Amino acid sequence: MKKTASILVITCSAVAREVHEIKKLGQWAQMDLQSISADLHVTPEKIPQAVADKIDAARDAYDHIFVAYGDCGTSGALDRVLEERGVSRLPGAHCYDFLAGQETYARLQEEEPGTFYLTDFLARHFERLVIGTLGLDKHPELKSIYFGNYTRLVYLAQTDSEELTEMARAAAKKLGLRFERIFTGTGEMVPALDAAMKAALWRN
């Protein structure tokens, strides 16, 4: 028996907050959300199977399923899994792509390839997901190995938060990088989710 909701969005927890806010603004009561831990980005080869498992477990309960992920370092493996199941995802290679917008991200990369990016989520969890994962808390001497070729840190801000801006600025200082902030909001997520919602309603 089908649930009231006609669409399921499977989202990386790194953008789950943004997906939830978009759902709220759109008043999409028909939309359910399920998130997958952002920690899988440390082992991106596990992302396709984790997403596939969510899709396979839910496909009989929903009219439409959409995936709020970029390629996220899976080298096309996620897209192969989605193509097999007839499921679409957010545009771009990763969250920087669809949050900044693909044109803006491409310009940032072209003007300064040695750029390290933070989002709201990464600014909030910088110590655990960057410093801890790379082992810089125990071996700070490795910083030059990991970040020696970087020159700036760009904070792609989804919210106008002074607290998060200061956290991102502190992260740049810790890595020895020049700091820049660009307000992106939710970037290309709204049109992508709106199209997915319309596809679900059309199928009903």
Protein backbone atom coordinates (compact mmCIF):
# COMPACT_ATOMS: atom_id res chain seq x y z
CA MET A 1 0.00 0.00 0.00
CA LYS A 2 1.44 3.34 -1.03
CA LYS A 3 2.19 6.08 1.48
CA THR A 4 0.56 9.51 1.26
CA ALA A 5 3.88 10.98 0.10
CA SER A 6 4.44 10.45 -3.61
CA ILE A 7 8.14 11.31 -3.71
CA LEU A 8 11.17 10.21 -1.73
CA VAL A 9 14.34 12.28 -1.76
CA ILE A 10 17.43 10.32 -0.74
CA THR A 11 19.94 12.91 0.39
CA CYS A 12 23.48 13.12 1.65
CA SER A 13 23.33 14.45 5.20
CA ALA A 14 25.71 17.23 4.09
CA VAL A 15 22.80 18.88 2.23
CA ALA A 16 19.87 17.41 4.19
CA ARG A 17 19.26 20.72 5.97
CA GLU A 18 18.98 22.54 2.64
CA VAL A 19 16.66 19.90 1.18
CA HIS A 20 14.44 20.14 4.26
CA GLU A 21 14.29 23.95 4.00
CA ILE A 22 13.37 23.75 0.31
CA LYS A 23 10.66 21.20 1.11
CA LYS A 24 9.29 23.52 3.81
CA LEU A 25 9.29 26.58 1.54
CA GLY A 26 7.60 24.61 -1.24
CA GLN A 27 5.03 23.21 1.22
CA TRP A 28 5.61 19.79 -0.29
CA ALA A 29 3.78 17.54 2.14
CA GLN A 30 4.02 14.74 -0.46
CA MET A 31 7.81 14.64 -0.10
CA ASP A 32 9.65 12.36 2.33
CA LEU A 33 13.37 12.60 3.06
CA GLN A 34 15.89 9.91 3.94
CA SER A 35 19.51 10.81 4.55
CA ILE A 36 22.79 8.92 4.27
CA SER A 37 25.78 9.83 6.41
CA ALA A 38 28.21 12.33 4.88
CA ASP A 39 31.00 10.26 6.44
CA LEU A 40 30.78 8.02 3.35
CA HIS A 41 32.66 10.71 1.43
CA VAL A 42 35.78 9.34 3.09
CA THR A 43 35.07 6.06 1.23
CA PRO A 44 33.12 7.26 -1.85
CA GLU A 45 33.20 3.79 -3.41
CA LYS A 46 30.53 2.85 -0.83
CA ILE A 47 28.12 5.62 -1.81
CA PRO A 48 26.53 3.90 -4.87
CA GLN A 49 25.58 0.78 -2.91
CA ALA A 50 24.25 2.80 0.02
CA VAL A 51 22.04 4.81 -2.35
CA ALA A 52 20.99 1.66 -4.25
CA ASP A 53 19.93 -0.01 -1.01
CA LYS A 54 17.75 2.98 -0.10
CA ILE A 55 16.14 3.03 -3.55
CA ASP A 56 15.47 -0.72 -3.61
CA ALA A 57 13.93 -0.67 -0.13
CA ALA A 58 11.61 2.24 -0.99
CA ARG A 59 10.63 1.85 -4.64
CA ASP A 60 7.31 0.07 -3.95
CA ALA A 61 6.23 2.76 -1.49
CA TYR A 62 6.71 5.85 -3.70
CA ASP A 63 5.67 7.07 -7.12
CA HIS A 64 8.96 8.87 -7.64
CA ILE A 65 12.46 8.78 -6.12
CA PHE A 66 15.07 11.50 -6.47
CA VAL A 67 18.67 11.53 -5.20
CA ALA A 68 20.22 14.65 -3.68
CA TYR A 69 23.85 13.80 -4.41
CA GLY A 70 26.47 14.87 -6.92
CA ASP A 71 28.79 12.24 -8.32
CA CYS A 72 30.72 12.74 -5.06
CA GLY A 73 33.90 11.00 -6.12
CA THR A 74 32.25 7.78 -7.32
CA SER A 75 33.74 8.16 -10.84
CA GLY A 76 30.40 7.55 -12.52
CA ALA A 77 29.45 4.51 -10.43
CA LEU A 78 26.56 6.36 -8.76
CA ASP A 79 25.15 7.38 -12.14
CA ARG A 80 25.30 3.78 -13.35
CA VAL A 81 23.33 2.65 -10.29
CA LEU A 82 20.75 5.40 -10.84
CA GLU A 83 20.43 4.72 -14.57
CA GLU A 84 19.71 1.05 -13.86
CA ARG A 85 16.87 2.12 -11.57
CA GLY A 86 15.53 5.05 -13.61
CA VAL A 87 16.33 7.59 -10.90
CA SER A 88 17.69 11.13 -11.35
CA ARG A 89 20.00 13.19 -9.12
CA LEU A 90 21.17 16.75 -8.57
CA PRO A 91 23.37 18.20 -11.35
CA GLY A 92 27.13 18.33 -11.05
CA ALA A 93 30.12 16.44 -9.76
CA HIS A 94 29.66 17.37 -6.10
CA CYS A 95 27.85 19.74 -3.76
CA TYR A 96 30.16 22.66 -4.64
CA ASP A 97 28.94 22.33 -8.21
CA PHE A 98 25.22 22.53 -7.51
CA LEU A 99 25.45 24.94 -4.58
CA ALA A 100 27.65 27.52 -6.30
CA GLY A 101 26.08 26.76 -9.68
CA GLN A 102 28.08 24.94 -12.31
CA GLU A 103 29.14 28.10 -14.17
CA THR A 104 30.30 29.86 -11.00
CA TYR A 105 32.17 26.81 -9.77
CA ALA A 106 33.91 26.37 -13.12
CA ARG A 107 34.95 30.03 -13.05
CA LEU A 108 36.33 29.71 -9.51
CA GLN A 109 38.34 26.66 -10.51
CA GLU A 110 39.65 28.31 -13.64
CA GLU A 111 40.78 31.49 -11.90
CA GLU A 112 42.49 29.67 -9.03
CA PRO A 113 42.77 25.86 -9.24
CA GLY A 114 44.35 25.67 -5.78
CA THR A 115 41.06 26.36 -4.02
CA PHE A 116 39.70 24.45 -1.04
CA TYR A 117 35.94 24.73 -0.51
CA LEU A 118 33.72 24.75 2.54
CA THR A 119 29.93 24.66 2.71
CA ASP A 120 27.81 25.41 5.79
CA PHE A 121 27.97 21.72 6.71
CA LEU A 122 31.74 21.51 6.28
CA ALA A 123 32.34 24.75 8.16
CA ARG A 124 30.28 23.40 11.04
CA HIS A 125 32.09 20.02 11.05
CA PHE A 126 35.53 21.14 9.87
CA GLU A 127 37.45 19.78 12.85
CA ARG A 128 35.94 16.29 12.56
CA LEU A 129 35.59 15.89 8.78
CA VAL A 130 38.76 17.64 7.65
CA ILE A 131 41.25 17.88 10.50
CA GLY A 132 40.26 14.57 12.13
CA THR A 133 39.82 12.58 8.92
CA LEU A 134 43.21 13.69 7.58
CA GLY A 135 44.86 13.05 10.93
CA LEU A 136 46.07 16.65 11.25
CA ASP A 137 45.00 16.75 14.89
CA LYS A 138 47.67 14.15 15.67
CA HIS A 139 50.13 14.96 12.89
CA PRO A 140 49.96 18.69 12.08
CA GLU A 141 53.21 18.37 10.12
CA LEU A 142 51.15 16.70 7.36
CA LYS A 143 49.40 19.99 6.59
CA SER A 144 52.00 21.00 4.00
CA ILE A 145 51.60 17.64 2.26
CA TYR A 146 47.81 17.89 2.03
CA PHE A 147 47.47 21.64 1.46
CA GLY A 148 50.82 22.75 0.08
CA ASN A 149 49.34 23.34 -3.38
CA TYR A 150 46.30 25.26 -2.11
CA THR A 151 46.25 29.07 -2.01
CA ARG A 152 42.76 30.00 -0.87
CA LEU A 153 39.70 28.71 0.96
CA VAL A 154 36.32 29.68 -0.49
CA TYR A 155 33.36 29.40 1.86
CA LEU A 156 30.21 28.76 -0.19
CA ALA A 157 27.63 30.03 2.28
CA GLN A 158 24.09 28.68 2.22
CA THR A 159 22.99 30.92 5.09
CA ASP A 160 23.93 34.44 6.14
CA SER A 161 25.40 33.28 9.44
CA GLU A 162 28.10 35.32 11.13
CA GLU A 163 28.94 32.34 13.35
CA LEU A 164 29.53 30.00 10.40
CA THR A 165 31.48 32.69 8.55
CA GLU A 166 33.82 33.03 11.51
CA MET A 167 34.18 29.24 11.70
CA ALA A 168 35.08 29.14 8.00
CA ARG A 169 37.50 32.04 8.45
CA ALA A 170 39.16 30.19 11.35
CA ALA A 171 39.45 27.07 9.16
CA ALA A 172 41.24 29.09 6.47
CA LYS A 173 43.62 30.51 9.06
CA LYS A 174 44.32 27.03 10.43
CA LEU A 175 45.20 25.79 6.94
CA GLY A 176 47.19 28.90 6.10
CA LEU A 177 44.94 29.85 3.18
CA ARG A 178 43.49 33.15 1.98
CA PHE A 179 39.81 33.41 2.90
CA GLU A 180 36.92 34.30 0.60
CA ARG A 181 33.18 34.02 1.15
CA ILE A 182 30.52 33.67 -1.55
CA PHE A 183 26.84 33.55 -0.64
CA THR A 184 25.19 30.83 -2.74
CA GLY A 185 21.96 30.02 -0.93
CA THR A 186 20.73 26.67 -2.20
CA GLY A 187 22.10 27.22 -5.71
CA GLU A 188 20.68 24.85 -8.30
CA MET A 189 18.91 22.63 -5.77
CA VAL A 190 15.54 24.42 -5.94
CA PRO A 191 14.91 23.97 -9.69
CA ALA A 192 16.12 20.36 -9.55
CA LEU A 193 13.86 19.46 -6.62
CA ASP A 194 10.96 21.41 -8.11
CA ALA A 195 11.28 19.40 -11.33
CA ALA A 196 11.37 16.16 -9.33
CA MET A 197 8.26 17.19 -7.39
CA LYS A 198 6.40 18.00 -10.60
CA ALA A 199 7.41 14.65 -12.10
CA ALA A 200 6.02 12.87 -9.03
CA LEU A 201 2.73 14.77 -9.14
CA TRP A 202 2.39 14.14 -12.88
CA ARG A 203 2.66 10.39 -12.29
CA ASN A 204 -0.14 10.38 -9.70
